[in-house]
């Protein structure tokens, strides 16, 4: 799971968290992001989606720039 792609949890659940949830009889293990209403949840989710898309585009542009520099040096 990439950072920010799943907004429900405050932190990415680990394998140990999963095992602990099996024996946890109280719901204290899970930490969720709570929004005041559906509109706020939608806004926050859309914001996070576009933030992740922006990061992906930025990384793609940097990767392209790096590869084009390597090609110009080699050629």
PDB file of N, CA and C in Angstrom:
ATOM      1  N   UNK A   1       0.852  -1.181   0.000  1.00  0.00           N
ATOM      2  CA  UNK A   1       0.000   0.000   0.000  1.00  0.00           C
ATOM      3  C   UNK A   1       0.891   1.235   0.000  1.00  0.00           C
ATOM      4  N   UNK A   2       0.755   2.095  -0.977  1.00  0.00           N
ATOM      5  CA  UNK A   2       1.528   3.318  -1.050  1.00  0.00           C
ATOM      6  C   UNK A   2       0.987   4.333  -0.081  1.00  0.00           C
ATOM      7  N   UNK A   3       1.866   5.256   0.285  1.00  0.00           N
ATOM      8  CA  UNK A   3       1.457   6.293   1.219  1.00  0.00           C
ATOM      9  C   UNK A   3       0.298   7.090   0.648  1.00  0.00           C
ATOM     10  N   UNK A   4      -0.751   7.277   1.450  1.00  0.00           N
ATOM     11  CA  UNK A   4      -1.852   8.124   1.043  1.00  0.00           C
ATOM     12  C   UNK A   4      -2.891   7.495   0.160  1.00  0.00           C
ATOM     13  N   UNK A   5      -2.709   6.277  -0.301  1.00  0.00           N
ATOM     14  CA  UNK A   5      -3.697   5.717  -1.200  1.00  0.00           C
ATOM     15  C   UNK A   5      -4.871   5.108  -0.461  1.00  0.00           C
ATOM     16  N   UNK A   6      -4.729   4.895   0.824  1.00  0.00           N
ATOM     17  CA  UNK A   6      -5.834   4.363   1.612  1.00  0.00           C
ATOM     18  C   UNK A   6      -5.943   5.199   2.861  1.00  0.00           C
ATOM     19  N   UNK A   7      -6.862   6.135   2.885  1.00  0.00           N
ATOM     20  CA  UNK A   7      -6.958   7.168   3.889  1.00  0.00           C
ATOM     21  C   UNK A   7      -7.662   6.751   5.175  1.00  0.00           C
ATOM     22  N   UNK A   8      -8.295   5.596   5.199  1.00  0.00           N
ATOM     23  CA  UNK A   8      -9.089   5.217   6.359  1.00  0.00           C
ATOM     24  C   UNK A   8      -8.220   5.059   7.607  1.00  0.00           C
ATOM     25  N   UNK A   9      -7.087   4.425   7.454  1.00  0.00           N
ATOM     26  CA  UNK A   9      -6.214   4.209   8.600  1.00  0.00           C
ATOM     27  C   UNK A   9      -5.218   5.348   8.739  1.00  0.00           C
ATOM     28  N   UNK A  10      -4.886   5.718   9.982  1.00  0.00           N
ATOM     29  CA  UNK A  10      -3.888   6.746  10.205  1.00  0.00           C
ATOM     30  C   UNK A  10      -2.499   6.240   9.876  1.00  0.00           C
ATOM     31  N   UNK A  11      -2.272   4.959  10.038  1.00  0.00           N
ATOM     32  CA  UNK A  11      -0.994   4.376   9.655  1.00  0.00           C
ATOM     33  C   UNK A  11      -1.271   3.079   8.922  1.00  0.00           C
ATOM     34  N   UNK A  12      -0.326   2.676   8.108  1.00  0.00           N
ATOM     35  CA  UNK A  12      -0.493   1.448   7.345  1.00  0.00           C
ATOM     36  C   UNK A  12      -0.445   0.259   8.303  1.00  0.00           C
ATOM     37  N   UNK A  13      -1.456  -0.587   8.280  1.00  0.00           N
ATOM     38  CA  UNK A  13      -1.448  -1.750   9.160  1.00  0.00           C
ATOM     39  C   UNK A  13      -0.301  -2.692   8.791  1.00  0.00           C
ATOM     40  N   UNK A  14       0.359  -3.233   9.801  1.00  0.00           N
ATOM     41  CA  UNK A  14       1.459  -4.162   9.562  1.00  0.00           C
ATOM     42  C   UNK A  14       0.974  -5.592   9.776  1.00  0.00           C
ATOM     43  N   UNK A  15       1.831  -6.525   9.459  1.00  0.00           N
ATOM     44  CA  UNK A  15       1.516  -7.934   9.670  1.00  0.00           C
ATOM     45  C   UNK A  15       1.245  -8.195  11.151  1.00  0.00           C
ATOM     46  N   UNK A  16       2.064  -7.608  12.011  1.00  0.00           N
ATOM     47  CA  UNK A  16       1.898  -7.784  13.457  1.00  0.00           C
ATOM     48  C   UNK A  16       0.561  -7.202  13.912  1.00  0.00           C
ATOM     49  N   UNK A  17       0.181  -6.064  13.354  1.00  0.00           N
ATOM     50  CA  UNK A  17      -1.123  -5.474  13.683  1.00  0.00           C
ATOM     51  C   UNK A  17      -2.252  -6.422  13.297  1.00  0.00           C
ATOM     52  N   UNK A  18      -2.101  -7.086  12.151  1.00  0.00           N
ATOM     53  CA  UNK A  18      -3.120  -8.035  11.706  1.00  0.00           C
ATOM     54  C   UNK A  18      -3.241  -9.216  12.647  1.00  0.00           C
ATOM     55  N   UNK A  19      -2.111  -9.767  13.054  1.00  0.00           N
ATOM     56  CA  UNK A  19      -2.115 -10.884  14.000  1.00  0.00           C
ATOM     57  C   UNK A  19      -2.700 -10.436  15.344  1.00  0.00           C
ATOM     58  N   UNK A  20      -2.309  -9.244  15.798  1.00  0.00           N
ATOM     59  CA  UNK A  20      -2.811  -8.733  17.075  1.00  0.00           C
ATOM     60  C   UNK A  20      -4.317  -8.514  17.026  1.00  0.00           C
ATOM     61  N   UNK A  21      -4.844  -8.140  15.856  1.00  0.00           N
ATOM     62  CA  UNK A  21      -6.284  -7.898  15.758  1.00  0.00           C
ATOM     63  C   UNK A  21      -7.088  -9.193  15.899  1.00  0.00           C
ATOM     64  N   UNK A  22      -6.467 -10.335  15.623  1.00  0.00           N
ATOM     65  CA  UNK A  22      -7.159 -11.611  15.761  1.00  0.00           C
ATOM     66  C   UNK A  22      -7.453 -11.902  17.226  1.00  0.00           C
ATOM     67  N   UNK A  23      -6.490 -11.609  18.092  1.00  0.00           N
ATOM     68  CA  UNK A  23      -6.658 -11.923  19.517  1.00  0.00           C
ATOM     69  C   UNK A  23      -7.169 -10.735  20.325  1.00  0.00           C
ATOM     70  N   UNK A  24      -7.254  -9.571  19.704  1.00  0.00           N
ATOM     71  CA  UNK A  24      -7.729  -8.370  20.400  1.00  0.00           C
ATOM     72  C   UNK A  24      -9.247  -8.411  20.521  1.00  0.00           C
ATOM     73  N   UNK A  25      -9.737  -8.495  21.728  1.00  0.00           N
ATOM     74  CA  UNK A  25     -11.181  -8.554  21.941  1.00  0.00           C
ATOM     75  C   UNK A  25     -11.810  -7.164  22.047  1.00  0.00           C
ATOM     76  N   UNK A  26     -10.981  -6.162  22.215  1.00  0.00           N
ATOM     77  CA  UNK A  26     -11.495  -4.795  22.243  1.00  0.00           C
ATOM     78  C   UNK A  26     -11.049  -4.083  20.967  1.00  0.00           C
ATOM     79  N   UNK A  27     -11.789  -3.109  20.509  1.00  0.00           N
ATOM     80  CA  UNK A  27     -11.439  -2.436  19.256  1.00  0.00           C
ATOM     81  C   UNK A  27     -10.374  -1.359  19.420  1.00  0.00           C
ATOM     82  N   UNK A  28      -9.529  -1.458  20.430  1.00  0.00           N
ATOM     83  CA  UNK A  28      -8.551  -0.413  20.707  1.00  0.00           C
ATOM     84  C   UNK A  28      -7.351  -0.435  19.765  1.00  0.00           C
ATOM     85  N   UNK A  29      -7.124  -1.515  19.048  1.00  0.00           N
ATOM     86  CA  UNK A  29      -5.981  -1.606  18.136  1.00  0.00           C
ATOM     87  C   UNK A  29      -6.123  -0.679  16.940  1.00  0.00           C
ATOM     88  N   UNK A  30      -7.308  -0.568  16.403  1.00  0.00           N
ATOM     89  CA  UNK A  30      -7.517   0.180  15.165  1.00  0.00           C
ATOM     90  C   UNK A  30      -7.581   1.673  15.439  1.00  0.00           C
ATOM     91  N   UNK A  31      -6.850   2.418  14.626  1.00  0.00           N
ATOM     92  CA  UNK A  31      -6.892   3.866  14.684  1.00  0.00           C
ATOM     93  C   UNK A  31      -7.357   4.339  13.313  1.00  0.00           C
ATOM     94  N   UNK A  32      -8.500   4.991  13.273  1.00  0.00           N
ATOM     95  CA  UNK A  32      -9.083   5.412  12.001  1.00  0.00           C
ATOM     96  C   UNK A  32      -9.073   6.922  11.894  1.00  0.00           C
ATOM     97  N   UNK A  33      -9.075   7.407  10.655  1.00  0.00           N
ATOM     98  CA  UNK A  33      -9.322   8.817  10.404  1.00  0.00           C
ATOM     99  C   UNK A  33     -10.831   9.016  10.415  1.00  0.00           C
ATOM    100  N   UNK A  34     -11.284   9.943  11.200  1.00  0.00           N
ATOM    101  CA  UNK A  34     -12.712  10.235  11.258  1.00  0.00           C
ATOM    102  C   UNK A  34     -12.963  11.617  10.686  1.00  0.00           C
ATOM    103  N   UNK A  35     -13.963  11.731   9.855  1.00  0.00           N
ATOM    104  CA  UNK A  35     -14.378  13.010   9.301  1.00  0.00           C
ATOM    105  C   UNK A  35     -15.718  13.388   9.924  1.00  0.00           C
ATOM    106  N   UNK A  36     -15.987  14.679   9.953  1.00  0.00           N
ATOM    107  CA  UNK A  36     -17.211  15.153  10.604  1.00  0.00           C
ATOM    108  C   UNK A  36     -18.467  14.763   9.842  1.00  0.00           C
ATOM    109  N   UNK A  37     -18.354  14.706   8.508  1.00  0.00           N
ATOM    110  CA  UNK A  37     -19.517  14.354   7.691  1.00  0.00           C
ATOM    111  C   UNK A  37     -19.039  13.798   6.348  1.00  0.00           C
ATOM    112  N   UNK A  38     -19.993  13.384   5.518  1.00  0.00           N
ATOM    113  CA  UNK A  38     -19.647  12.781   4.229  1.00  0.00           C
ATOM    114  C   UNK A  38     -18.949  13.770   3.298  1.00  0.00           C
ATOM    115  N   UNK A  39     -19.382  15.029   3.338  1.00  0.00           N
ATOM    116  CA  UNK A  39     -18.771  16.044   2.475  1.00  0.00           C
ATOM    117  C   UNK A  39     -17.295  16.226   2.836  1.00  0.00           C
ATOM    118  N   UNK A  40     -16.995  16.319   4.111  1.00  0.00           N
ATOM    119  CA  UNK A  40     -15.608  16.463   4.547  1.00  0.00           C
ATOM    120  C   UNK A  40     -14.791  15.232   4.165  1.00  0.00           C
ATOM    121  N   UNK A  41     -15.382  14.056   4.313  1.00  0.00           N
ATOM    122  CA  UNK A  41     -14.694  12.814   3.939  1.00  0.00           C
ATOM    123  C   UNK A  41     -14.379  12.813   2.448  1.00  0.00           C
ATOM    124  N   UNK A  42     -15.340  13.232   1.620  1.00  0.00           N
ATOM    125  CA  UNK A  42     -15.119  13.293   0.174  1.00  0.00           C
ATOM    126  C   UNK A  42     -14.016  14.285  -0.177  1.00  0.00           C
ATOM    127  N   UNK A  43     -14.075  15.457   0.426  1.00  0.00           N
ATOM    128  CA  UNK A  43     -13.069  16.490   0.148  1.00  0.00           C
ATOM    129  C   UNK A  43     -11.681  15.996   0.546  1.00  0.00           C
ATOM    130  N   UNK A  44     -11.576  15.422   1.733  1.00  0.00           N
ATOM    131  CA  UNK A  44     -10.276  14.928   2.194  1.00  0.00           C
ATOM    132  C   UNK A  44      -9.762  13.781   1.323  1.00  0.00           C
ATOM    133  N   UNK A  45     -10.646  12.905   0.909  1.00  0.00           N
ATOM    134  CA  UNK A  45     -10.239  11.783   0.060  1.00  0.00           C
ATOM    135  C   UNK A  45      -9.797  12.265  -1.318  1.00  0.00           C
ATOM    136  N   UNK A  46     -10.556  13.205  -1.908  1.00  0.00           N
ATOM    137  CA  UNK A  46     -10.170  13.762  -3.208  1.00  0.00           C
ATOM    138  C   UNK A  46      -8.838  14.496  -3.115  1.00  0.00           C
ATOM    139  N   UNK A  47      -8.655  15.240  -2.045  1.00  0.00           N
ATOM    140  CA  UNK A  47      -7.390  15.949  -1.845  1.00  0.00           C
ATOM    141  C   UNK A  47      -6.230  14.955  -1.792  1.00  0.00           C
ATOM    142  N   UNK A  48      -6.400  13.898  -1.043  1.00  0.00           N
ATOM    143  CA  UNK A  48      -5.349  12.890  -0.919  1.00  0.00           C
ATOM    144  C   UNK A  48      -5.102  12.174  -2.240  1.00  0.00           C
ATOM    145  N   UNK A  49      -6.173  11.873  -2.981  1.00  0.00           N
ATOM    146  CA  UNK A  49      -6.024  11.242  -4.297  1.00  0.00           C
ATOM    147  C   UNK A  49      -5.198  12.121  -5.233  1.00  0.00           C
ATOM    148  N   UNK A  50      -5.529  13.416  -5.299  1.00  0.00           N
ATOM    149  CA  UNK A  50      -4.804  14.313  -6.190  1.00  0.00           C
ATOM    150  C   UNK A  50      -3.378  14.555  -5.722  1.00  0.00           C
ATOM    151  N   UNK A  51      -3.139  14.514  -4.417  1.00  0.00           N
ATOM    152  CA  UNK A  51      -1.783  14.641  -3.898  1.00  0.00           C
ATOM    153  C   UNK A  51      -0.933  13.460  -4.380  1.00  0.00           C
ATOM    154  N   UNK A  52      -1.496  12.264  -4.311  1.00  0.00           N
ATOM    155  CA  UNK A  52      -0.787  11.062  -4.753  1.00  0.00           C
ATOM    156  C   UNK A  52      -0.554  11.106  -6.263  1.00  0.00           C
ATOM    157  N   UNK A  53      -1.565  11.543  -7.026  1.00  0.00           N
ATOM    158  CA  UNK A  53      -1.410  11.671  -8.477  1.00  0.00           C
ATOM    159  C   UNK A  53      -0.308  12.674  -8.802  1.00  0.00           C
ATOM    160  N   UNK A  54      -0.299  13.799  -8.104  1.00  0.00           N
ATOM    161  CA  UNK A  54       0.751  14.802  -8.306  1.00  0.00           C
ATOM    162  C   UNK A  54       2.134  14.238  -8.016  1.00  0.00           C
ATOM    163  N   UNK A  55       2.260  13.471  -6.938  1.00  0.00           N
ATOM    164  CA  UNK A  55       3.548  12.845  -6.624  1.00  0.00           C
ATOM    165  C   UNK A  55       3.957  11.855  -7.707  1.00  0.00           C
ATOM    166  N   UNK A  56       3.005  11.082  -8.214  1.00  0.00           N
ATOM    167  CA  UNK A  56       3.308  10.130  -9.287  1.00  0.00           C
ATOM    168  C   UNK A  56       3.783  10.862 -10.550  1.00  0.00           C
ATOM    169  N   UNK A  57       3.102  11.950 -10.906  1.00  0.00           N
ATOM    170  CA  UNK A  57       3.508  12.732 -12.079  1.00  0.00           C
ATOM    171  C   UNK A  57       4.900  13.339 -11.875  1.00  0.00           C
ATOM    172  N   UNK A  58       5.155  13.854 -10.693  1.00  0.00           N
ATOM    173  CA  UNK A  58       6.452  14.449 -10.388  1.00  0.00           C
ATOM    174  C   UNK A  58       7.564  13.398 -10.515  1.00  0.00           C
ATOM    175  N   UNK A  59       7.325  12.224  -9.960  1.00  0.00           N
ATOM    176  CA  UNK A  59       8.316  11.149 -10.052  1.00  0.00           C
ATOM    177  C   UNK A  59       8.512  10.706 -11.505  1.00  0.00           C
ATOM    178  N   UNK A  60       7.446  10.649 -12.281  1.00  0.00           N
ATOM    179  CA  UNK A  60       7.558  10.263 -13.691  1.00  0.00           C
ATOM    180  C   UNK A  60       8.371  11.299 -14.465  1.00  0.00           C
ATOM    181  N   UNK A  61       8.143  12.582 -14.200  1.00  0.00           N
ATOM    182  CA  UNK A  61       8.901  13.628 -14.893  1.00  0.00           C
ATOM    183  C   UNK A  61      10.381  13.579 -14.507  1.00  0.00           C
ATOM    184  N   UNK A  62      10.663  13.370 -13.240  1.00  0.00           N
ATOM    185  CA  UNK A  62      12.055  13.265 -12.789  1.00  0.00           C
ATOM    186  C   UNK A  62      12.729  12.040 -13.409  1.00  0.00           C
ATOM    187  N   UNK A  63      12.011  10.919 -13.479  1.00  0.00           N
ATOM    188  CA  UNK A  63      12.545   9.702 -14.080  1.00  0.00           C
ATOM    189  C   UNK A  63      12.822   9.932 -15.566  1.00  0.00           C
ATOM    190  N   UNK A  64      11.908  10.574 -16.274  1.00  0.00           N
ATOM    191  CA  UNK A  64      12.084  10.880 -17.697  1.00  0.00           C
ATOM    192  C   UNK A  64      13.289  11.799 -17.893  1.00  0.00           C
ATOM    193  N   UNK A  65      13.400  12.823 -17.047  1.00  0.00           N
ATOM    194  CA  UNK A  65      14.518  13.759 -17.147  1.00  0.00           C
ATOM    195  C   UNK A  65      15.849  13.037 -16.932  1.00  0.00           C
ATOM    196  N   UNK A  66      15.892  12.165 -15.950  1.00  0.00           N
ATOM    197  CA  UNK A  66      17.104  11.403 -15.651  1.00  0.00           C
ATOM    198  C   UNK A  66      17.482  10.500 -16.823  1.00  0.00           C
ATOM    199  N   UNK A  67      16.494   9.808 -17.391  1.00  0.00           N
ATOM    200  CA  UNK A  67      16.756   8.910 -18.522  1.00  0.00           C
ATOM    201  C   UNK A  67      17.188   9.687 -19.761  1.00  0.00           C
ATOM    202  N   UNK A  68      16.582  10.854 -20.001  1.00  0.00           N
ATOM    203  CA  UNK A  68      16.947  11.634 -21.183  1.00  0.00           C
ATOM    204  C   UNK A  68      18.360  12.191 -21.045  1.00  0.00           C
ATOM    205  N   UNK A  69      18.782  12.523 -19.811  1.00  0.00           N
ATOM    206  CA  UNK A  69      20.161  12.980 -19.598  1.00  0.00           C
ATOM    207  C   UNK A  69      21.143  11.833 -19.851  1.00  0.00           C
ATOM    208  N   UNK A  70      20.786  10.629 -19.415  1.00  0.00           N
ATOM    209  CA  UNK A  70      21.658   9.475 -19.632  1.00  0.00           C
ATOM    210  C   UNK A  70      21.771   9.173 -21.128  1.00  0.00           C
ATOM    211  N   UNK A  71      20.674   9.307 -21.855  1.00  0.00           N
ATOM    212  CA  UNK A  71      20.667   9.043 -23.290  1.00  0.00           C
ATOM    213  C   UNK A  71      21.531  10.070 -24.021  1.00  0.00           C
ATOM    214  N   UNK A  72      21.438  11.335 -23.639  1.00  0.00           N
ATOM    215  CA  UNK A  72      22.224  12.383 -24.308  1.00  0.00           C
ATOM    216  C   UNK A  72      23.710  12.246 -24.002  1.00  0.00           C
ATOM    217  N   UNK A  73      24.053  11.762 -22.828  1.00  0.00           N
ATOM    218  CA  UNK A  73      25.462  11.550 -22.475  1.00  0.00           C
ATOM    219  C   UNK A  73      26.014  10.351 -23.256  1.00  0.00           C
ATOM    220  N   UNK A  74      25.224   9.281 -23.351  1.00  0.00           N
ATOM    221  CA  UNK A  74      25.674   8.069 -24.033  1.00  0.00           C
ATOM    222  C   UNK A  74      25.726   8.254 -25.548  1.00  0.00           C
ATOM    223  N   UNK A  75      24.856   9.085 -26.080  1.00  0.00           N
ATOM    224  CA  UNK A  75      24.739   9.222 -27.527  1.00  0.00           C
ATOM    225  C   UNK A  75      25.590  10.294 -28.046  1.00  0.00           C
TER     226      UNK A  75
END
